[in-house]
Amino acid sequence: MILRKTFTVALLGLALSACSSQPDLRPASPLPEVANTLNTKPLWKSSVGNGVGEYYSQLSPVVEGERIFAASRDGVLAAFDKDTGKRQWQLRIDKLAINDNQRSPRIAGGLTAAYGNLYFGSENGVVYAVSQAEGELLWAKTVAGEVLAAPAVDEGKVVVHTSSGHLVALNSSSGEQEWQLRNEQPSLTLRSQATPVTAGGAVLYGRADGRLGIALLATGQPVRDTRIANPRGATELERMVDVAAKPVILGDILFAIAYNGQLTAHQLISGQELWKRQYQGSQDLSTDGRLLFISDSRSHLFAVDARSGMEVWSNTELENRQLTASVVFGDYLVAGDDEGYLYWFDSQTGKLKSLQRIDSKGLYVAPVVAGNRLYVQSRSGDLLAIDQP
């Protein structure tokens, strides 16, 4: 489904898996005036196919060793030297025999690097494994439903959570299915999906019914599900409570947030609730180990003390600008928006310190941090590296 840039839809830029009623016209805040004092000029710039265009996507690059790997929705996968941006190899998935029906590969799930390979999925319900060394396709397997988020890879398994509610584990070497867990889906859900997280022999995954599920990684047997939000409201849209943000684990505490729901902290092992606060959203949380950073459904930014749940600061300057999730980069918190601006905030105060336009086509996923460098992928397929200021 294509995103409409002429207005902010009811879910502030997130497409739905079923049709909604009239769009909710919410004007975006004007661009703030900022005295840019940071040196954030890109170190290098390259390109990856045609990017993702105006389609909803969670496709994100990944850094492994001395290279960064990135892909485009239409099937270009490439490896670049992370210091120079020089392309080392390129694979055209749309040209392979497995794609002989001439349909676009529609790569959507972000890349995961593990075992010397790259693992990712597509809106066509295909999961791929490609070697990092040469860019050789190792296997491609069809699963039940679209794969909109990056897989979790651990203990020889590639785990994906599909748009149809299936949690599927594939063998990382062969692609053969090892187990599948099915969950019922509400009639209306976000198109966004959370990347599963593995910990202690279990896989944790956000569900569209407002719960965070936990299953054994070895067998897929359900262990527990934790209620993050309860459906409320008069309409199906108001009752949407998808847990579409990747869970965060700090020590023995698990943090999760739900759309139309709340931010919660639970003991990882027992599931005991420690606190909950009224924040809602579907973008991934980020953390510096002390604070949790939230980009909510209105594009407001918040910092919350992870131990107590108390709000430390908030920034509402960028309301309805369709902010991406944020990332912690040195002393800064960095996020992009749908008009292609990259924003730099003081992570301890929330004050906006600098902004720059990366691509007029827009930014759609959080930047990637690797060491002292930030990598940004834009809608048009530009890939940029920025050193820490």
Protein backbone atom coordinates (compact mmCIF):
# COMPACT_ATOMS: atom_id res chain seq x y z
CA MET A 1 0.00 0.00 0.00
CA ILE A 2 1.38 3.40 -0.97
CA LEU A 3 1.75 6.18 1.56
CA ARG A 4 -0.02 9.42 0.72
CA LYS A 5 2.26 12.41 1.20
CA THR A 6 -0.44 15.02 0.64
CA PHE A 7 -1.93 14.41 4.08
CA THR A 8 -1.29 12.50 7.25
CA VAL A 9 -3.54 9.46 7.33
CA ALA A 10 -5.34 8.27 10.40
CA LEU A 11 -2.31 6.34 11.57
CA LEU A 12 0.14 9.16 10.86
CA GLY A 13 1.82 7.55 7.91
CA LEU A 14 1.37 3.87 8.80
CA ALA A 15 -0.61 1.88 6.26
CA LEU A 16 -3.31 -0.49 7.53
CA SER A 17 -3.83 -4.14 6.71
CA ALA A 18 -7.51 -3.34 6.18
CA CYS A 19 -9.18 -0.21 4.89
CA SER A 20 -10.17 2.62 7.23
CA SER A 21 -12.66 5.46 6.86
CA GLN A 22 -11.95 9.11 6.09
CA PRO A 23 -8.35 10.28 6.51
CA ASP A 24 -7.57 12.25 9.64
CA LEU A 25 -6.20 15.56 8.41
CA ARG A 26 -3.54 16.64 10.89
CA PRO A 27 -1.20 19.36 9.64
CA ALA A 28 2.46 18.90 10.38
CA SER A 29 4.28 21.44 12.50
CA PRO A 30 6.45 23.89 10.53
CA LEU A 31 10.15 23.21 10.39
CA PRO A 32 11.77 24.58 13.56
CA GLU A 33 14.37 27.32 13.29
CA VAL A 34 17.66 25.96 14.59
CA ALA A 35 21.16 27.43 14.61
CA ASN A 36 23.00 24.41 13.26
CA THR A 37 26.26 24.18 15.18
CA LEU A 38 27.11 20.52 14.57
CA ASN A 39 29.34 19.26 11.79
CA THR A 40 27.15 16.52 10.36
CA LYS A 41 28.24 16.62 6.73
CA PRO A 42 28.07 13.12 5.16
CA LEU A 43 31.39 11.31 4.89
CA TRP A 44 30.23 9.46 1.80
CA LYS A 45 27.07 8.79 -0.20
CA SER A 46 26.08 5.87 -2.41
CA SER A 47 22.83 4.44 -3.75
CA VAL A 48 20.84 1.20 -3.53
CA GLY A 49 18.50 0.62 -6.47
CA ASN A 50 15.33 2.68 -6.38
CA GLY A 51 14.96 2.57 -2.61
CA VAL A 52 11.44 1.94 -1.32
CA GLY A 53 9.59 4.69 -3.17
CA GLU A 54 6.37 5.85 -1.50
CA TYR A 55 5.55 2.40 -0.13
CA TYR A 56 5.34 1.58 3.55
CA SER A 57 8.57 -0.20 4.47
CA GLN A 58 10.76 -1.19 7.41
CA LEU A 59 13.70 -2.05 5.16
CA SER A 60 16.90 -1.05 6.94
CA PRO A 61 20.63 -1.62 6.34
CA VAL A 62 22.92 -3.60 8.63
CA VAL A 63 26.62 -3.26 9.46
CA GLU A 64 28.76 -6.36 9.94
CA GLY A 65 32.55 -6.34 10.13
CA GLU A 66 34.00 -3.87 7.63
CA ARG A 67 30.91 -3.66 5.44
CA ILE A 68 27.42 -2.27 5.39
CA PHE A 69 24.70 -4.15 3.53
CA ALA A 70 21.58 -2.50 2.11
CA ALA A 71 18.69 -3.40 -0.19
CA SER A 72 15.93 -1.80 -2.24
CA ARG A 73 12.30 -2.84 -2.42
CA ASP A 74 12.64 -3.82 -6.07
CA GLY A 75 15.32 -6.43 -5.38
CA VAL A 76 18.77 -4.82 -5.38
CA LEU A 77 21.00 -6.07 -2.55
CA ALA A 78 24.50 -4.63 -2.20
CA ALA A 79 27.58 -4.64 0.04
CA PHE A 80 29.59 -1.46 0.63
CA ASP A 81 32.84 -0.68 2.39
CA LYS A 82 31.60 1.02 5.55
CA ASP A 83 34.48 3.54 5.57
CA THR A 84 34.47 4.61 1.91
CA GLY A 85 31.05 3.64 0.57
CA LYS A 86 32.68 1.71 -2.29
CA ARG A 87 30.36 -1.00 -3.63
CA GLN A 88 31.87 -4.48 -3.23
CA TRP A 89 29.16 -6.63 -4.76
CA GLN A 90 25.57 -6.42 -5.93
CA LEU A 91 22.84 -9.04 -6.31
CA ARG A 92 19.70 -8.50 -8.40
CA ILE A 93 17.06 -10.71 -6.80
CA ASP A 94 14.52 -9.58 -9.38
CA LYS A 95 16.69 -11.19 -12.09
CA LEU A 96 17.02 -14.61 -10.45
CA ALA A 97 15.16 -17.72 -11.63
CA ILE A 98 13.17 -17.84 -8.38
CA ASN A 99 11.53 -14.62 -9.51
CA ASP A 100 10.54 -15.84 -12.97
CA ASN A 101 6.97 -14.57 -12.61
CA GLN A 102 8.41 -11.07 -13.17
CA ARG A 103 6.82 -9.79 -9.98
CA SER A 104 8.79 -7.29 -7.92
CA PRO A 105 10.54 -9.01 -4.97
CA ARG A 106 9.03 -6.30 -2.71
CA ILE A 107 11.73 -6.65 -0.07
CA ALA A 108 10.39 -5.10 3.12
CA GLY A 109 11.84 -6.75 6.21
CA GLY A 110 15.11 -5.21 7.38
CA LEU A 111 18.38 -7.09 6.96
CA THR A 112 19.79 -9.28 9.74
CA ALA A 113 23.44 -10.38 9.67
CA ALA A 114 24.38 -13.70 11.28
CA TYR A 115 26.50 -16.80 10.60
CA GLY A 116 28.24 -15.02 7.72
CA ASN A 117 24.91 -14.55 5.92
CA LEU A 118 22.17 -11.96 5.44
CA TYR A 119 18.57 -12.87 6.24
CA PHE A 120 15.54 -10.81 5.21
CA GLY A 121 11.95 -11.11 4.03
CA SER A 122 9.46 -9.61 1.63
CA GLU A 123 5.86 -8.57 1.14
CA ASN A 124 5.56 -11.59 -1.15
CA GLY A 125 5.98 -13.85 1.89
CA VAL A 126 9.48 -15.02 0.95
CA VAL A 127 12.42 -15.26 3.35
CA TYR A 128 15.91 -15.09 1.81
CA ALA A 129 19.41 -16.10 2.89
CA VAL A 130 22.38 -14.56 1.04
CA SER A 131 26.10 -15.01 1.75
CA GLN A 132 27.86 -11.89 2.99
CA ALA A 133 31.13 -12.83 1.27
CA GLU A 134 30.01 -13.04 -2.36
CA GLY A 135 26.36 -12.02 -2.45
CA GLU A 136 25.26 -15.52 -3.46
CA LEU A 137 21.64 -16.54 -2.86
CA LEU A 138 21.71 -19.58 -0.56
CA TRP A 139 17.99 -20.26 -0.23
CA ALA A 140 14.56 -18.67 -0.50
CA LYS A 141 11.51 -20.05 1.32
CA THR A 142 7.86 -19.06 1.27
CA VAL A 143 6.04 -18.48 4.57
CA ALA A 144 2.41 -17.72 5.44
CA GLY A 145 2.04 -13.95 5.24
CA GLU A 146 4.10 -10.87 4.48
CA VAL A 147 7.43 -10.42 6.25
CA LEU A 148 7.54 -6.72 7.12
CA ALA A 149 10.25 -6.70 9.81
CA ALA A 150 13.77 -8.04 10.13
CA PRO A 151 14.09 -11.65 11.27
CA ALA A 152 15.60 -12.71 14.59
CA VAL A 153 18.45 -15.18 14.09
CA ASP A 154 19.70 -17.34 16.96
CA GLU A 155 20.53 -20.97 17.77
CA GLY A 156 20.52 -21.90 14.09
CA LYS A 157 17.02 -20.55 13.48
CA VAL A 158 15.65 -17.65 11.47
CA VAL A 159 12.44 -16.46 13.14
CA VAL A 160 9.97 -14.22 11.34
CA HIS A 161 6.61 -12.85 12.47
CA THR A 162 4.29 -12.46 9.50
CA SER A 163 1.37 -10.14 8.82
CA SER A 164 -1.04 -13.09 9.11
CA GLY A 165 0.00 -13.69 12.73
CA HIS A 166 2.31 -16.64 12.12
CA LEU A 167 5.56 -16.90 14.04
CA VAL A 168 7.76 -19.12 11.88
CA ALA A 169 11.21 -20.60 12.54
CA LEU A 170 13.35 -21.70 9.58
CA ASN A 171 16.64 -23.57 9.66
CA SER A 172 19.36 -20.96 9.09
CA SER A 173 21.40 -23.30 6.85
CA SER A 174 18.70 -24.89 4.70
CA GLY A 175 15.63 -22.68 5.08
CA GLU A 176 13.49 -25.69 6.03
CA GLN A 177 10.66 -24.89 8.41
CA GLU A 178 11.29 -26.15 11.95
CA TRP A 179 8.13 -24.93 13.63
CA GLN A 180 5.22 -22.54 13.27
CA LEU A 181 3.03 -20.82 15.86
CA ARG A 182 -0.30 -19.31 14.81
CA ASN A 183 -2.01 -16.42 16.60
CA GLU A 184 -5.44 -15.00 15.83
CA GLN A 185 -5.45 -11.55 14.28
CA PRO A 186 -7.93 -8.70 14.97
CA SER A 187 -9.97 -7.59 11.97
CA LEU A 188 -7.99 -4.33 11.70
CA THR A 189 -4.26 -4.13 12.38
CA LEU A 190 -1.29 -1.91 11.70
CA ARG A 191 0.79 -2.85 8.70
CA SER A 192 3.83 -2.35 10.89
CA GLN A 193 5.43 -5.41 12.52
CA ALA A 194 7.98 -5.72 15.31
CA THR A 195 11.23 -7.59 14.88
CA PRO A 196 11.23 -10.57 17.28
CA VAL A 197 13.83 -10.62 20.06
CA THR A 198 15.59 -13.71 21.40
CA ALA A 199 16.77 -14.09 25.00
CA GLY A 200 17.55 -17.05 27.23
CA GLY A 201 16.33 -19.71 24.80
CA ALA A 202 13.07 -17.89 24.10
CA VAL A 203 11.71 -15.63 21.38
CA LEU A 204 9.65 -12.54 22.28
CA TYR A 205 7.35 -10.98 19.72
CA GLY A 206 4.74 -8.23 19.64
CA ARG A 207 1.20 -9.21 18.62
CA ALA A 208 -1.65 -7.31 17.03
CA ASP A 209 -3.98 -8.14 19.93
CA GLY A 210 -2.04 -5.98 22.37
CA ARG A 211 0.03 -8.80 23.85
CA LEU A 212 3.71 -9.63 23.90
CA GLY A 213 4.15 -13.34 23.23
CA ILE A 214 6.98 -15.54 24.47
CA ALA A 215 7.73 -18.95 22.94
CA LEU A 216 10.54 -21.48 23.27
CA LEU A 217 13.07 -20.91 20.52
CA ALA A 218 13.80 -24.63 20.18
CA THR A 219 10.22 -25.81 19.62
CA GLY A 220 7.90 -22.81 19.28
CA GLN A 221 5.93 -23.92 22.34
CA PRO A 222 4.16 -20.91 23.90
CA VAL A 223 5.49 -19.97 27.33
CA ARG A 224 3.56 -16.86 28.26
CA ASP A 225 1.87 -13.82 26.81
CA THR A 226 1.84 -10.47 28.56
CA ARG A 227 -0.92 -7.92 28.13
CA ILE A 228 0.53 -4.56 27.06
CA ALA A 229 -2.73 -2.84 26.11
CA ASN A 230 -6.47 -3.50 26.19
CA PRO A 231 -8.67 -2.65 23.18
CA ARG A 232 -10.95 0.29 23.99
CA GLY A 233 -13.16 2.66 22.04
CA ALA A 234 -16.25 2.72 19.87
CA THR A 235 -14.58 1.96 16.53
CA GLU A 236 -12.20 -0.71 15.30
CA LEU A 237 -9.63 2.00 14.66
CA GLU A 238 -9.77 3.12 18.29
CA ARG A 239 -9.47 -0.49 19.48
CA MET A 240 -6.23 -1.14 17.61
CA VAL A 241 -3.55 -2.08 20.15
CA ASP A 242 -0.76 -3.57 18.04
CA VAL A 243 2.54 -4.14 19.79
CA ALA A 244 4.46 -3.16 16.66
CA ALA A 245 7.65 -1.83 18.27
CA LYS A 246 10.62 -4.07 18.97
CA PRO A 247 10.78 -4.96 22.69
CA VAL A 248 13.74 -3.64 24.69
CA ILE A 249 15.51 -5.70 27.37
CA LEU A 250 17.68 -3.98 30.00
CA GLY A 251 19.09 -6.47 32.47
CA ASP A 252 16.13 -8.47 33.75
CA ILE A 253 13.48 -5.93 32.74
CA LEU A 254 11.42 -6.02 29.55
CA PHE A 255 9.96 -2.84 28.05
CA ALA A 256 7.21 -2.72 25.42
CA ILE A 257 4.86 -0.12 23.94
CA ALA A 258 1.54 -0.52 22.11
CA TYR A 259 -0.34 1.57 19.59
CA ASN A 260 -3.42 3.11 21.30
CA GLY A 261 -1.96 1.57 24.43
CA GLN A 262 0.81 2.25 26.90
CA LEU A 263 4.47 1.81 27.77
CA THR A 264 5.09 -1.00 30.24
CA ALA A 265 7.95 -2.49 32.24
CA HIS A 266 7.83 -6.15 33.31
CA GLN A 267 10.19 -8.58 34.96
CA LEU A 268 11.59 -10.65 32.11
CA ILE A 269 11.42 -14.03 33.85
CA SER A 270 8.25 -13.79 35.95
CA GLY A 271 6.28 -11.35 33.81
CA GLN A 272 5.43 -9.25 36.89
CA GLU A 273 4.42 -5.71 35.97
CA LEU A 274 6.73 -3.08 37.47
CA TRP A 275 5.12 0.06 36.05
CA LYS A 276 3.09 1.38 33.12
CA ARG A 277 2.69 4.85 31.65
CA GLN A 278 0.34 6.38 29.11
CA TYR A 279 2.55 6.62 26.05
CA GLN A 280 1.51 5.09 22.76
CA GLY A 281 3.17 4.41 19.46
CA SER A 282 4.47 1.86 17.00
CA GLN A 283 8.03 3.06 16.43
CA ASP A 284 10.87 1.12 18.04
CA LEU A 285 12.07 2.29 21.44
CA SER A 286 15.71 3.26 21.92
CA THR A 287 17.79 3.48 25.07
CA ASP A 288 21.12 4.64 26.46
CA GLY A 289 20.85 2.13 29.32
CA ARG A 290 19.29 4.66 31.70
CA LEU A 291 16.62 6.40 29.66
CA LEU A 292 14.04 5.03 27.23
CA PHE A 293 13.35 7.23 24.20
CA ILE A 294 9.91 7.22 22.59
CA SER A 295 8.77 8.59 19.22
CA ASP A 296 5.00 8.44 19.63
CA SER A 297 2.10 8.39 17.17
CA ARG A 298 2.02 12.23 17.10
CA SER A 299 5.77 12.53 16.45
CA HIS A 300 6.35 13.77 19.98
CA LEU A 301 9.62 12.68 21.58
CA PHE A 302 9.91 11.61 25.20
CA ALA A 303 12.66 10.44 27.51
CA VAL A 304 11.53 8.19 30.36
CA ASP A 305 13.60 6.90 33.26
CA ALA A 306 13.78 3.14 32.74
CA ARG A 307 13.85 2.32 36.42
CA SER A 308 10.89 4.42 37.58
CA GLY A 309 8.94 5.21 34.43
CA MET A 310 9.07 8.93 35.27
CA GLU A 311 9.22 11.36 32.35
CA VAL A 312 12.56 13.19 32.13
CA TRP A 313 11.83 15.44 29.15
CA SER A 314 9.53 15.87 26.16
CA ASN A 315 9.80 17.62 22.81
CA THR A 316 6.67 18.40 20.76
CA GLU A 317 8.24 20.70 18.14
CA LEU A 318 7.89 18.16 15.33
CA GLU A 319 4.25 17.21 15.76
CA ASN A 320 2.84 15.12 12.89
CA ARG A 321 6.07 15.25 10.88
CA GLN A 322 6.03 11.44 10.76
CA LEU A 323 9.21 10.92 12.73
CA THR A 324 11.10 7.69 12.46
CA ALA A 325 12.23 5.85 15.55
CA SER A 326 15.22 7.52 17.17
CA VAL A 327 18.71 6.17 17.84
CA VAL A 328 21.28 7.12 20.48
CA PHE A 329 24.46 8.40 18.86
CA GLY A 330 27.06 9.66 21.31
CA ASP A 331 25.49 12.54 23.24
CA TYR A 332 22.67 12.87 20.73
CA LEU A 333 19.34 11.36 19.85
CA VAL A 334 18.84 11.23 16.07
CA ALA A 335 15.63 10.72 14.05
CA GLY A 336 14.38 11.45 10.55
CA ASP A 337 11.07 12.60 9.07
CA ASP A 338 8.89 12.08 6.00
CA GLU A 339 10.25 15.23 4.31
CA GLY A 340 13.80 13.92 4.48
CA TYR A 341 15.13 15.92 7.43
CA LEU A 342 17.48 14.41 9.98
CA TYR A 343 17.18 15.86 13.50
CA TRP A 344 19.81 15.90 16.25
CA PHE A 345 18.63 16.28 19.87
CA ASP A 346 20.56 16.55 23.11
CA SER A 347 19.74 13.13 24.57
CA GLN A 348 19.73 14.41 28.16
CA THR A 349 17.57 17.52 27.68
CA GLY A 350 15.60 16.91 24.48
CA LYS A 351 16.70 20.24 23.01
CA LEU A 352 16.92 20.25 19.21
CA LYS A 353 20.53 21.05 18.34
CA SER A 354 20.71 20.65 14.58
CA LEU A 355 18.82 19.55 11.48
CA GLN A 356 19.75 18.76 7.89
CA ARG A 357 17.90 17.64 4.80
CA ILE A 358 19.13 14.30 3.55
CA ASP A 359 16.67 13.49 0.75
CA SER A 360 13.55 15.35 -0.44
CA LYS A 361 11.86 11.97 -0.97
CA GLY A 362 11.90 11.39 2.78
CA LEU A 363 13.34 9.20 5.52
CA TYR A 364 11.28 6.24 6.69
CA VAL A 365 13.39 4.18 9.14
CA ALA A 366 15.70 5.04 12.01
CA PRO A 367 19.38 5.55 11.20
CA VAL A 368 21.79 2.74 12.03
CA VAL A 369 24.61 3.31 14.53
CA ALA A 370 27.88 1.38 14.24
CA GLY A 371 30.74 2.60 16.40
CA ASN A 372 31.32 6.32 15.85
CA ARG A 373 29.36 6.43 12.63
CA LEU A 374 25.73 6.89 11.66
CA TYR A 375 24.26 5.35 8.50
CA VAL A 376 21.07 6.65 6.90
CA GLN A 377 18.99 5.10 4.11
CA SER A 378 16.42 7.28 2.34
CA ARG A 379 13.27 6.52 0.37
CA SER A 380 15.03 7.14 -2.94
CA GLY A 381 17.75 4.58 -2.09
CA ASP A 382 20.52 6.94 -1.02
CA LEU A 383 22.84 5.50 1.61
CA LEU A 384 24.93 7.96 3.63
CA ALA A 385 27.57 7.76 6.36
CA ILE A 386 27.98 10.53 8.96
CA ASP A 387 30.74 10.66 11.55
CA GLN A 388 29.97 11.50 15.16
CA PRO A 389 30.14 15.31 15.61
